[in-house]
Amino acid sequence: VILYGENNGDALKDARLLDAVSCNDPDIVKFLTVMALCSTVVPIKSNGGTITYQAQSQDEEALVTAASKLNTVLVSKDSNTAEISFNGCKFYYDLLDILEFTSDRKRMSAVVKDVQSGKILLLSKGADEAILPRCHQGTWYNRENCIVFM
């Protein structure tokens, strides 16, 4: 398990996390991509280019904003496509389906297609008890490599 922010309680200021972001750590890139894409948040760009987020819940807005502060910016999103920018590199996704959070599932999922690679991905976020049992050995995001933000 990788913990960020356990020393000062602020993961966004954790030196190890900031270093991992600047070095394009693959696990961090994937994690931040989930934070940015697995939501119903819509970015609104002002005439000056500033992006603000419109969200159904404060939690979703907080996660997308945190990803943005870690250089993973949800630049645009409509019902079919999304664009994120990670450390200035643009990535495009087709949005295939959204399974919104419910109290029964205790998680939210988004099915997306990475336009560049053509891979279809299932992105999920939610309560530990809903997510961790679905993390299997042999995948990039298994229990031993779980990333936790305090």
N, C-alpha and C. Protein backbone atom coordinates (compact mmCIF):
# COMPACT_ATOMS: atom_id res chain seq x y z
N VAL A 1 0.85 -1.18 0.00
CA VAL A 1 0.00 0.00 0.00
C VAL A 1 0.89 1.24 0.00
N ILE A 2 0.59 2.16 -0.88
CA ILE A 2 1.32 3.42 -0.95
C ILE A 2 0.44 4.49 -0.34
N LEU A 3 0.95 5.16 0.70
CA LEU A 3 0.19 6.22 1.37
C LEU A 3 0.78 7.57 1.03
N TYR A 4 -0.08 8.52 0.74
CA TYR A 4 0.36 9.89 0.51
C TYR A 4 -0.37 10.79 1.49
N GLY A 5 0.36 11.71 2.10
CA GLY A 5 -0.23 12.68 3.01
C GLY A 5 -0.36 12.21 4.43
N GLU A 6 0.23 11.04 4.77
CA GLU A 6 0.06 10.53 6.13
C GLU A 6 0.84 11.34 7.15
N ASN A 7 1.88 12.06 6.72
CA ASN A 7 2.68 12.84 7.68
C ASN A 7 2.03 14.17 8.04
N ASN A 8 1.44 14.84 7.06
CA ASN A 8 0.86 16.15 7.36
C ASN A 8 -0.63 16.21 7.07
N GLY A 9 -1.22 15.11 6.61
CA GLY A 9 -2.65 15.08 6.35
C GLY A 9 -3.07 15.76 5.06
N ASP A 10 -2.12 16.21 4.26
CA ASP A 10 -2.45 16.89 3.00
C ASP A 10 -1.72 16.20 1.86
N ALA A 11 -2.41 15.29 1.19
CA ALA A 11 -1.78 14.52 0.12
C ALA A 11 -1.31 15.40 -1.02
N LEU A 12 -1.98 16.52 -1.25
CA LEU A 12 -1.62 17.39 -2.37
C LEU A 12 -0.29 18.09 -2.18
N LYS A 13 0.25 18.06 -0.94
CA LYS A 13 1.55 18.68 -0.66
C LYS A 13 2.62 17.64 -0.35
N ASP A 14 2.27 16.36 -0.47
CA ASP A 14 3.21 15.28 -0.18
C ASP A 14 4.33 15.27 -1.22
N ALA A 15 5.57 15.42 -0.77
CA ALA A 15 6.72 15.51 -1.68
C ALA A 15 6.86 14.26 -2.55
N ARG A 16 6.59 13.08 -1.98
CA ARG A 16 6.71 11.85 -2.76
C ARG A 16 5.67 11.80 -3.88
N LEU A 17 4.46 12.26 -3.58
CA LEU A 17 3.41 12.30 -4.59
C LEU A 17 3.76 13.30 -5.69
N LEU A 18 4.18 14.49 -5.29
CA LEU A 18 4.53 15.51 -6.28
C LEU A 18 5.68 15.04 -7.17
N ASP A 19 6.63 14.31 -6.59
CA ASP A 19 7.72 13.74 -7.38
C ASP A 19 7.19 12.69 -8.36
N ALA A 20 6.28 11.84 -7.89
CA ALA A 20 5.70 10.80 -8.75
C ALA A 20 4.93 11.43 -9.91
N VAL A 21 4.23 12.53 -9.65
CA VAL A 21 3.50 13.23 -10.71
C VAL A 21 4.48 13.81 -11.72
N SER A 22 5.53 14.47 -11.23
CA SER A 22 6.48 15.11 -12.16
C SER A 22 7.27 14.08 -12.97
N CYS A 23 7.42 12.86 -12.42
CA CYS A 23 8.15 11.80 -13.13
C CYS A 23 7.22 10.92 -13.98
N ASN A 24 5.95 11.30 -14.08
CA ASN A 24 4.96 10.54 -14.86
C ASN A 24 4.86 9.08 -14.42
N ASP A 25 4.90 8.85 -13.10
CA ASP A 25 4.76 7.49 -12.57
C ASP A 25 3.48 6.87 -13.15
N PRO A 26 3.59 5.71 -13.81
CA PRO A 26 2.43 5.12 -14.49
C PRO A 26 1.24 4.85 -13.58
N ASP A 27 1.49 4.39 -12.35
CA ASP A 27 0.38 4.13 -11.43
C ASP A 27 -0.32 5.43 -11.03
N ILE A 28 0.45 6.48 -10.82
CA ILE A 28 -0.13 7.77 -10.46
C ILE A 28 -0.92 8.34 -11.63
N VAL A 29 -0.38 8.21 -12.84
CA VAL A 29 -1.10 8.69 -14.03
C VAL A 29 -2.45 7.99 -14.13
N LYS A 30 -2.47 6.68 -13.94
CA LYS A 30 -3.72 5.92 -14.01
C LYS A 30 -4.69 6.34 -12.91
N PHE A 31 -4.17 6.49 -11.70
CA PHE A 31 -5.01 6.87 -10.58
C PHE A 31 -5.64 8.25 -10.80
N LEU A 32 -4.83 9.20 -11.23
CA LEU A 32 -5.33 10.56 -11.46
C LEU A 32 -6.30 10.59 -12.64
N THR A 33 -6.08 9.74 -13.62
CA THR A 33 -7.01 9.64 -14.75
C THR A 33 -8.38 9.18 -14.26
N VAL A 34 -8.40 8.21 -13.36
CA VAL A 34 -9.67 7.76 -12.77
C VAL A 34 -10.33 8.92 -12.03
N MET A 35 -9.55 9.66 -11.24
CA MET A 35 -10.11 10.80 -10.50
C MET A 35 -10.73 11.83 -11.45
N ALA A 36 -10.09 12.06 -12.58
CA ALA A 36 -10.56 13.07 -13.52
C ALA A 36 -11.74 12.59 -14.37
N LEU A 37 -11.74 11.33 -14.78
CA LEU A 37 -12.74 10.85 -15.73
C LEU A 37 -13.95 10.17 -15.11
N CYS A 38 -13.77 9.51 -13.99
CA CYS A 38 -14.86 8.73 -13.39
C CYS A 38 -15.72 9.65 -12.53
N SER A 39 -16.52 10.45 -13.21
CA SER A 39 -17.39 11.40 -12.51
C SER A 39 -18.43 11.93 -13.47
N THR A 40 -19.37 12.67 -12.93
CA THR A 40 -20.34 13.37 -13.76
C THR A 40 -19.99 14.85 -13.86
N VAL A 41 -18.79 15.20 -13.44
CA VAL A 41 -18.33 16.60 -13.45
C VAL A 41 -18.18 17.09 -14.89
N VAL A 42 -18.59 18.34 -15.10
CA VAL A 42 -18.45 18.98 -16.41
C VAL A 42 -17.57 20.22 -16.24
N PRO A 43 -16.49 20.31 -17.02
CA PRO A 43 -15.65 21.51 -16.95
C PRO A 43 -16.29 22.66 -17.73
N ILE A 44 -16.20 23.85 -17.16
CA ILE A 44 -16.70 25.06 -17.81
C ILE A 44 -15.50 25.98 -18.00
N LYS A 45 -15.21 26.33 -19.25
CA LYS A 45 -14.07 27.19 -19.55
C LYS A 45 -14.55 28.62 -19.74
N SER A 46 -13.95 29.55 -18.99
CA SER A 46 -14.30 30.97 -19.12
C SER A 46 -13.64 31.55 -20.36
N ASN A 47 -14.04 32.77 -20.72
CA ASN A 47 -13.43 33.46 -21.86
C ASN A 47 -11.93 33.63 -21.67
N GLY A 48 -11.49 33.75 -20.42
CA GLY A 48 -10.07 33.90 -20.12
C GLY A 48 -9.32 32.58 -20.10
N GLY A 49 -10.02 31.46 -20.29
CA GLY A 49 -9.37 30.16 -20.33
C GLY A 49 -9.36 29.42 -19.01
N THR A 50 -9.83 30.05 -17.94
CA THR A 50 -9.87 29.40 -16.63
C THR A 50 -10.97 28.33 -16.63
N ILE A 51 -10.65 27.17 -16.08
CA ILE A 51 -11.61 26.07 -16.01
C ILE A 51 -12.17 25.98 -14.60
N THR A 52 -13.49 25.95 -14.50
CA THR A 52 -14.17 25.65 -13.25
C THR A 52 -14.99 24.38 -13.49
N TYR A 53 -15.39 23.74 -12.41
CA TYR A 53 -16.09 22.47 -12.54
C TYR A 53 -17.50 22.56 -11.99
N GLN A 54 -18.44 22.02 -12.76
CA GLN A 54 -19.83 21.93 -12.35
C GLN A 54 -20.08 20.47 -11.99
N ALA A 55 -20.52 20.25 -10.75
CA ALA A 55 -20.66 18.87 -10.27
C ALA A 55 -21.98 18.67 -9.55
N GLN A 56 -22.44 17.42 -9.55
CA GLN A 56 -23.65 17.06 -8.82
C GLN A 56 -23.38 16.95 -7.33
N SER A 57 -22.13 16.66 -6.97
CA SER A 57 -21.80 16.54 -5.55
C SER A 57 -20.47 17.24 -5.26
N GLN A 58 -20.33 17.69 -4.03
CA GLN A 58 -19.09 18.34 -3.62
C GLN A 58 -17.93 17.35 -3.65
N ASP A 59 -18.20 16.08 -3.34
CA ASP A 59 -17.15 15.06 -3.36
C ASP A 59 -16.56 14.90 -4.76
N GLU A 60 -17.43 14.81 -5.76
CA GLU A 60 -16.95 14.67 -7.13
C GLU A 60 -16.13 15.88 -7.55
N GLU A 61 -16.63 17.06 -7.23
CA GLU A 61 -15.90 18.29 -7.57
C GLU A 61 -14.54 18.31 -6.88
N ALA A 62 -14.50 17.88 -5.62
CA ALA A 62 -13.24 17.88 -4.87
C ALA A 62 -12.22 16.93 -5.50
N LEU A 63 -12.65 15.76 -5.94
CA LEU A 63 -11.73 14.80 -6.56
C LEU A 63 -11.19 15.31 -7.89
N VAL A 64 -12.06 15.88 -8.72
CA VAL A 64 -11.61 16.40 -10.01
C VAL A 64 -10.71 17.61 -9.81
N THR A 65 -11.03 18.44 -8.83
CA THR A 65 -10.19 19.60 -8.52
C THR A 65 -8.83 19.15 -7.99
N ALA A 66 -8.82 18.12 -7.14
CA ALA A 66 -7.54 17.60 -6.62
C ALA A 66 -6.69 17.04 -7.77
N ALA A 67 -7.31 16.31 -8.68
CA ALA A 67 -6.57 15.80 -9.84
C ALA A 67 -5.99 16.96 -10.65
N SER A 68 -6.78 18.02 -10.79
CA SER A 68 -6.32 19.20 -11.52
C SER A 68 -5.10 19.83 -10.85
N LYS A 69 -5.12 19.89 -9.53
CA LYS A 69 -3.99 20.46 -8.80
C LYS A 69 -2.74 19.59 -8.92
N LEU A 70 -2.95 18.34 -9.32
CA LEU A 70 -1.84 17.41 -9.54
C LEU A 70 -1.59 17.23 -11.04
N ASN A 71 -1.85 18.28 -11.80
CA ASN A 71 -1.54 18.35 -13.24
C ASN A 71 -2.33 17.39 -14.12
N THR A 72 -3.48 16.92 -13.64
CA THR A 72 -4.37 16.09 -14.44
C THR A 72 -5.68 16.83 -14.58
N VAL A 73 -5.77 17.64 -15.63
CA VAL A 73 -6.87 18.58 -15.78
C VAL A 73 -7.94 18.01 -16.71
N LEU A 74 -9.17 17.97 -16.22
CA LEU A 74 -10.30 17.64 -17.08
C LEU A 74 -10.60 18.90 -17.88
N VAL A 75 -10.20 18.90 -19.16
CA VAL A 75 -10.26 20.09 -20.00
C VAL A 75 -11.64 20.27 -20.62
N SER A 76 -12.20 19.18 -21.15
CA SER A 76 -13.52 19.26 -21.76
C SER A 76 -14.21 17.91 -21.61
N LYS A 77 -15.54 17.98 -21.62
CA LYS A 77 -16.32 16.75 -21.48
C LYS A 77 -17.74 17.03 -21.95
N ASP A 78 -18.27 16.13 -22.76
CA ASP A 78 -19.68 16.17 -23.09
C ASP A 78 -20.22 14.76 -22.92
N SER A 79 -21.38 14.47 -23.45
CA SER A 79 -21.96 13.14 -23.22
C SER A 79 -21.22 12.03 -23.96
N ASN A 80 -20.36 12.38 -24.92
CA ASN A 80 -19.68 11.36 -25.71
C ASN A 80 -18.17 11.32 -25.58
N THR A 81 -17.54 12.43 -25.24
CA THR A 81 -16.08 12.50 -25.24
C THR A 81 -15.56 13.29 -24.04
N ALA A 82 -14.30 13.04 -23.73
CA ALA A 82 -13.62 13.81 -22.68
C ALA A 82 -12.17 14.01 -23.09
N GLU A 83 -11.63 15.13 -22.64
CA GLU A 83 -10.22 15.44 -22.87
C GLU A 83 -9.59 15.75 -21.52
N ILE A 84 -8.47 15.10 -21.24
CA ILE A 84 -7.70 15.47 -20.05
C ILE A 84 -6.30 15.86 -20.49
N SER A 85 -5.68 16.67 -19.67
CA SER A 85 -4.30 17.08 -19.90
C SER A 85 -3.50 16.66 -18.68
N PHE A 86 -2.47 15.83 -18.89
CA PHE A 86 -1.58 15.43 -17.81
C PHE A 86 -0.20 15.98 -18.10
N ASN A 87 0.28 16.83 -17.21
CA ASN A 87 1.58 17.49 -17.39
C ASN A 87 1.72 18.08 -18.80
N GLY A 88 0.61 18.63 -19.30
CA GLY A 88 0.62 19.30 -20.60
C GLY A 88 0.36 18.41 -21.80
N CYS A 89 0.34 17.09 -21.62
CA CYS A 89 0.04 16.17 -22.72
C CYS A 89 -1.46 15.90 -22.74
N LYS A 90 -2.05 15.96 -23.92
CA LYS A 90 -3.50 15.78 -24.05
C LYS A 90 -3.85 14.32 -24.33
N PHE A 91 -4.93 13.87 -23.69
CA PHE A 91 -5.44 12.52 -23.87
C PHE A 91 -6.94 12.61 -24.11
N TYR A 92 -7.42 11.81 -25.05
CA TYR A 92 -8.83 11.87 -25.44
C TYR A 92 -9.49 10.52 -25.19
N TYR A 93 -10.74 10.58 -24.74
CA TYR A 93 -11.49 9.37 -24.41
C TYR A 93 -12.90 9.48 -24.97
N ASP A 94 -13.40 8.37 -25.48
CA ASP A 94 -14.81 8.25 -25.81
C ASP A 94 -15.50 7.72 -24.57
N LEU A 95 -16.59 8.36 -24.17
CA LEU A 95 -17.35 7.93 -22.99
C LEU A 95 -18.43 6.96 -23.45
N LEU A 96 -18.29 5.70 -23.08
CA LEU A 96 -19.20 4.67 -23.55
C LEU A 96 -20.37 4.44 -22.61
N ASP A 97 -20.13 4.53 -21.30
CA ASP A 97 -21.22 4.35 -20.33
C ASP A 97 -20.78 4.86 -18.97
N ILE A 98 -21.74 5.30 -18.19
CA ILE A 98 -21.51 5.74 -16.81
C ILE A 98 -22.47 4.97 -15.91
N LEU A 99 -21.93 4.34 -14.89
CA LEU A 99 -22.74 3.69 -13.86
C LEU A 99 -22.60 4.56 -12.62
N GLU A 100 -23.62 5.39 -12.37
CA GLU A 100 -23.51 6.36 -11.29
C GLU A 100 -23.47 5.67 -9.93
N PHE A 101 -22.95 6.38 -8.96
CA PHE A 101 -22.84 5.88 -7.58
C PHE A 101 -24.23 5.59 -7.04
N THR A 102 -24.36 4.45 -6.38
CA THR A 102 -25.57 4.14 -5.61
C THR A 102 -25.13 3.62 -4.26
N SER A 103 -26.02 3.73 -3.29
CA SER A 103 -25.68 3.25 -1.95
C SER A 103 -25.55 1.73 -1.93
N ASP A 104 -26.21 1.03 -2.84
CA ASP A 104 -26.08 -0.42 -2.92
C ASP A 104 -24.71 -0.84 -3.47
N ARG A 105 -24.28 -0.21 -4.57
CA ARG A 105 -23.00 -0.55 -5.20
C ARG A 105 -21.82 0.05 -4.43
N LYS A 106 -22.03 1.17 -3.80
CA LYS A 106 -20.99 1.91 -3.06
C LYS A 106 -19.80 2.26 -3.95
N ARG A 107 -20.08 2.45 -5.23
CA ARG A 107 -19.03 2.83 -6.17
C ARG A 107 -19.67 3.44 -7.41
N MET A 108 -18.82 4.11 -8.18
CA MET A 108 -19.21 4.65 -9.48
C MET A 108 -18.24 4.08 -10.50
N SER A 109 -18.73 3.84 -11.70
CA SER A 109 -17.87 3.31 -12.75
C SER A 109 -18.13 4.05 -14.06
N ALA A 110 -17.08 4.15 -14.85
CA ALA A 110 -17.18 4.74 -16.19
C ALA A 110 -16.50 3.79 -17.16
N VAL A 111 -17.16 3.51 -18.26
CA VAL A 111 -16.56 2.71 -19.33
C VAL A 111 -16.13 3.70 -20.40
N VAL A 112 -14.82 3.71 -20.68
CA VAL A 112 -14.27 4.68 -21.63
C VAL A 112 -13.38 3.96 -22.64
N LYS A 113 -13.21 4.60 -23.78
CA LYS A 113 -12.27 4.09 -24.79
C LYS A 113 -11.17 5.12 -24.95
N ASP A 114 -9.93 4.68 -24.72
CA ASP A 114 -8.77 5.53 -24.94
C ASP A 114 -8.61 5.67 -26.45
N VAL A 115 -8.82 6.88 -26.96
CA VAL A 115 -8.80 7.11 -28.40
C VAL A 115 -7.45 6.75 -29.00
N GLN A 116 -6.37 7.06 -28.31
CA GLN A 116 -5.03 6.80 -28.84
C GLN A 116 -4.73 5.31 -28.96
N SER A 117 -5.01 4.55 -27.90
CA SER A 117 -4.66 3.12 -27.91
C SER A 117 -5.78 2.23 -28.42
N GLY A 118 -7.01 2.73 -28.38
CA GLY A 118 -8.16 1.92 -28.75
C GLY A 118 -8.64 1.00 -27.64
N LYS A 119 -7.96 1.02 -26.49
CA LYS A 119 -8.34 0.15 -25.37
C LYS A 119 -9.61 0.66 -24.70
N ILE A 120 -10.46 -0.30 -24.32
CA ILE A 120 -11.65 0.02 -23.55
C ILE A 120 -11.33 -0.26 -22.09
N LEU A 121 -11.62 0.73 -21.24
CA LEU A 121 -11.26 0.67 -19.83
C LEU A 121 -12.50 0.80 -18.96
N LEU A 122 -12.52 0.07 -17.86
CA LEU A 122 -13.53 0.24 -16.83
C LEU A 122 -12.85 0.97 -15.68
N LEU A 123 -13.28 2.19 -15.42
CA LEU A 123 -12.72 3.00 -14.34
C LEU A 123 -13.73 3.02 -13.21
N SER A 124 -13.28 2.74 -11.98
CA SER A 124 -14.19 2.72 -10.83
C SER A 124 -13.57 3.44 -9.66
N LYS A 125 -14.43 4.05 -8.86
CA LYS A 125 -14.01 4.68 -7.60
C LYS A 125 -15.13 4.42 -6.61
N GLY A 126 -14.76 4.40 -5.32
CA GLY A 126 -15.79 4.18 -4.32
C GLY A 126 -15.23 3.79 -2.98
N ALA A 127 -16.11 3.25 -2.17
CA ALA A 127 -15.75 2.83 -0.82
C ALA A 127 -14.76 1.68 -0.88
N ASP A 128 -13.85 1.67 0.09
CA ASP A 128 -12.83 0.61 0.15
C ASP A 128 -13.46 -0.78 0.04
N GLU A 129 -14.55 -1.00 0.80
CA GLU A 129 -15.14 -2.34 0.82
C GLU A 129 -15.79 -2.70 -0.52
N ALA A 130 -16.05 -1.72 -1.37
CA ALA A 130 -16.60 -2.01 -2.69
C ALA A 130 -15.51 -2.17 -3.75
N ILE A 131 -14.38 -1.51 -3.56
CA ILE A 131 -13.32 -1.51 -4.57
C ILE A 131 -12.27 -2.59 -4.31
N LEU A 132 -11.76 -2.68 -3.09
CA LEU A 132 -10.64 -3.60 -2.82
C LEU A 132 -10.92 -5.06 -3.16
N PRO A 133 -12.12 -5.60 -2.89
CA PRO A 133 -12.36 -7.00 -3.28
C PRO A 133 -12.29 -7.23 -4.78
N ARG A 134 -12.40 -6.18 -5.57
CA ARG A 134 -12.36 -6.30 -7.03
C ARG A 134 -10.96 -6.10 -7.60
N CYS A 135 -9.99 -5.84 -6.73
CA CYS A 135 -8.61 -5.68 -7.17
C CYS A 135 -7.94 -7.05 -7.13
N HIS A 136 -7.47 -7.51 -8.26
CA HIS A 136 -6.91 -8.86 -8.37
C HIS A 136 -5.42 -8.82 -8.63
N GLN A 137 -4.73 -9.87 -8.18
CA GLN A 137 -3.31 -10.01 -8.48
C GLN A 137 -3.13 -10.05 -9.99
N GLY A 138 -2.00 -9.51 -10.43
CA GLY A 138 -1.70 -9.55 -11.85
C GLY A 138 -2.21 -8.35 -12.61
N THR A 139 -2.94 -7.48 -11.94
CA THR A 139 -3.39 -6.26 -12.58
C THR A 139 -2.53 -5.13 -12.08
N TRP A 140 -2.55 -4.00 -12.76
CA TRP A 140 -1.70 -2.87 -12.36
C TRP A 140 -2.14 -2.31 -11.02
N TYR A 141 -3.35 -2.53 -10.60
CA TYR A 141 -3.87 -1.90 -9.39
C TYR A 141 -4.34 -2.99 -8.44
N ASN A 142 -3.39 -3.72 -7.86
CA ASN A 142 -3.76 -4.78 -6.94
C ASN A 142 -3.64 -4.28 -5.50
N ARG A 143 -4.05 -5.11 -4.57
CA ARG A 143 -4.07 -4.69 -3.17
C ARG A 143 -2.71 -4.24 -2.66
N GLU A 144 -1.65 -4.91 -3.10
CA GLU A 144 -0.32 -4.56 -2.63
C GLU A 144 0.14 -3.21 -3.19
N ASN A 145 -0.39 -2.81 -4.33
CA ASN A 145 0.01 -1.55 -4.96
C ASN A 145 -1.09 -0.50 -4.87
N CYS A 146 -1.99 -0.67 -3.94
CA CYS A 146 -3.10 0.26 -3.80
C CYS A 146 -2.58 1.64 -3.38
N ILE A 147 -3.14 2.66 -3.97
CA ILE A 147 -2.74 4.03 -3.67
C ILE A 147 -3.81 4.65 -2.78
N VAL A 148 -3.38 5.18 -1.63
CA VAL A 148 -4.31 5.74 -0.67
C VAL A 148 -3.95 7.19 -0.40
N PHE A 149 -4.95 8.06 -0.46
CA PHE A 149 -4.76 9.46 -0.13
C PHE A 149 -5.42 9.73 1.20
N MET A 150 -4.68 10.35 2.13
CA MET A 150 -5.19 10.66 3.46
C MET A 150 -5.75 12.07 3.49
